[in-house]
């Protein structure tokens, strides 16, 4: 597999993940997390590891709503 077929998993400051072609300069605001492989491998890694897709500022500032029981409805 040559470098044109290799991708890096990248993350931004809001902890959102993407993949980036290994032979291109890293885009501003994104950094590699050290996971490199085929497009399918990187997409699988992201799907397996990025469980909460909300941006970091939402995860930190939104209070979870209470789940109501049947009696409370």
Protein backbone atom coordinates (compact mmCIF):
# COMPACT_ATOMS: atom_id res chain seq x y z
CA UNK A 1 0.00 0.00 0.00
CA UNK A 2 1.62 3.30 -1.07
CA UNK A 3 1.23 6.58 0.85
CA UNK A 4 -1.60 7.76 -1.44
CA UNK A 5 -3.71 4.97 0.00
CA UNK A 6 -2.85 5.72 3.62
CA UNK A 7 -4.94 7.92 5.86
CA UNK A 8 -4.48 9.40 9.33
CA UNK A 9 -7.26 9.71 11.87
CA UNK A 10 -7.28 13.36 12.91
CA UNK A 11 -9.03 15.26 15.69
CA UNK A 12 -9.82 18.95 16.24
CA UNK A 13 -10.09 20.97 19.44
CA UNK A 14 -13.78 20.08 19.74
CA UNK A 15 -12.76 16.39 19.75
CA UNK A 16 -14.41 15.71 16.40
CA UNK A 17 -12.72 13.01 14.33
CA UNK A 18 -12.08 12.72 10.62
CA UNK A 19 -9.59 11.06 8.32
CA UNK A 20 -6.99 12.81 6.22
CA UNK A 21 -4.95 11.57 3.29
CA UNK A 22 -1.46 10.79 4.59
CA UNK A 23 0.39 12.46 1.71
CA UNK A 24 -1.26 15.88 2.18
CA UNK A 25 -0.32 18.59 4.70
CA UNK A 26 -2.41 18.47 7.88
CA UNK A 27 -5.25 21.04 7.79
CA UNK A 28 -5.16 23.87 10.32
CA UNK A 29 -6.89 23.09 13.59
CA UNK A 30 -6.52 19.33 13.19
CA UNK A 31 -3.91 16.93 14.57
CA UNK A 32 -3.07 13.29 14.02
CA UNK A 33 -3.83 10.90 16.87
CA UNK A 34 -1.39 8.25 15.61
CA UNK A 35 -3.86 5.95 13.87
CA UNK A 36 -2.86 5.33 10.25
CA UNK A 37 -4.20 2.83 7.72
CA UNK A 38 -6.52 2.31 4.79
CA UNK A 39 -9.62 4.44 4.41
CA UNK A 40 -11.79 1.53 5.59
CA UNK A 41 -9.55 0.88 8.62
CA UNK A 42 -9.61 4.56 9.68
CA UNK A 43 -13.38 4.87 9.19
CA UNK A 44 -13.89 1.71 11.24
CA UNK A 45 -11.64 3.09 14.00
CA UNK A 46 -13.65 6.34 14.08
CA UNK A 47 -16.97 4.49 14.16
CA UNK A 48 -15.78 2.25 17.00
CA UNK A 49 -14.15 4.97 19.13
CA UNK A 50 -16.12 8.19 18.55
CA UNK A 51 -19.18 7.33 20.61
CA UNK A 52 -20.56 10.80 21.37
CA UNK A 53 -20.48 12.89 18.22
CA UNK A 54 -21.52 16.14 19.85
CA UNK A 55 -18.81 18.82 19.86
CA UNK A 56 -16.88 19.12 23.13
CA UNK A 57 -18.54 22.42 24.09
CA UNK A 58 -21.98 20.76 23.95
CA UNK A 59 -20.90 17.69 25.92
CA UNK A 60 -19.49 19.95 28.63
CA UNK A 61 -22.35 22.49 28.78
CA UNK A 62 -25.58 20.60 28.16
CA UNK A 63 -27.16 19.10 31.24
CA UNK A 64 -28.62 15.64 30.57
CA UNK A 65 -32.37 15.56 30.87
CA UNK A 66 -33.90 13.32 33.47
CA UNK A 67 -35.61 10.23 32.10
CA UNK A 68 -39.20 10.09 33.31
CA UNK A 69 -40.75 6.95 34.63
CA UNK A 70 -44.20 5.85 33.46
CA UNK A 71 -45.68 7.11 36.76
CA UNK A 72 -44.23 10.58 36.17
CA UNK A 73 -45.80 10.94 32.71
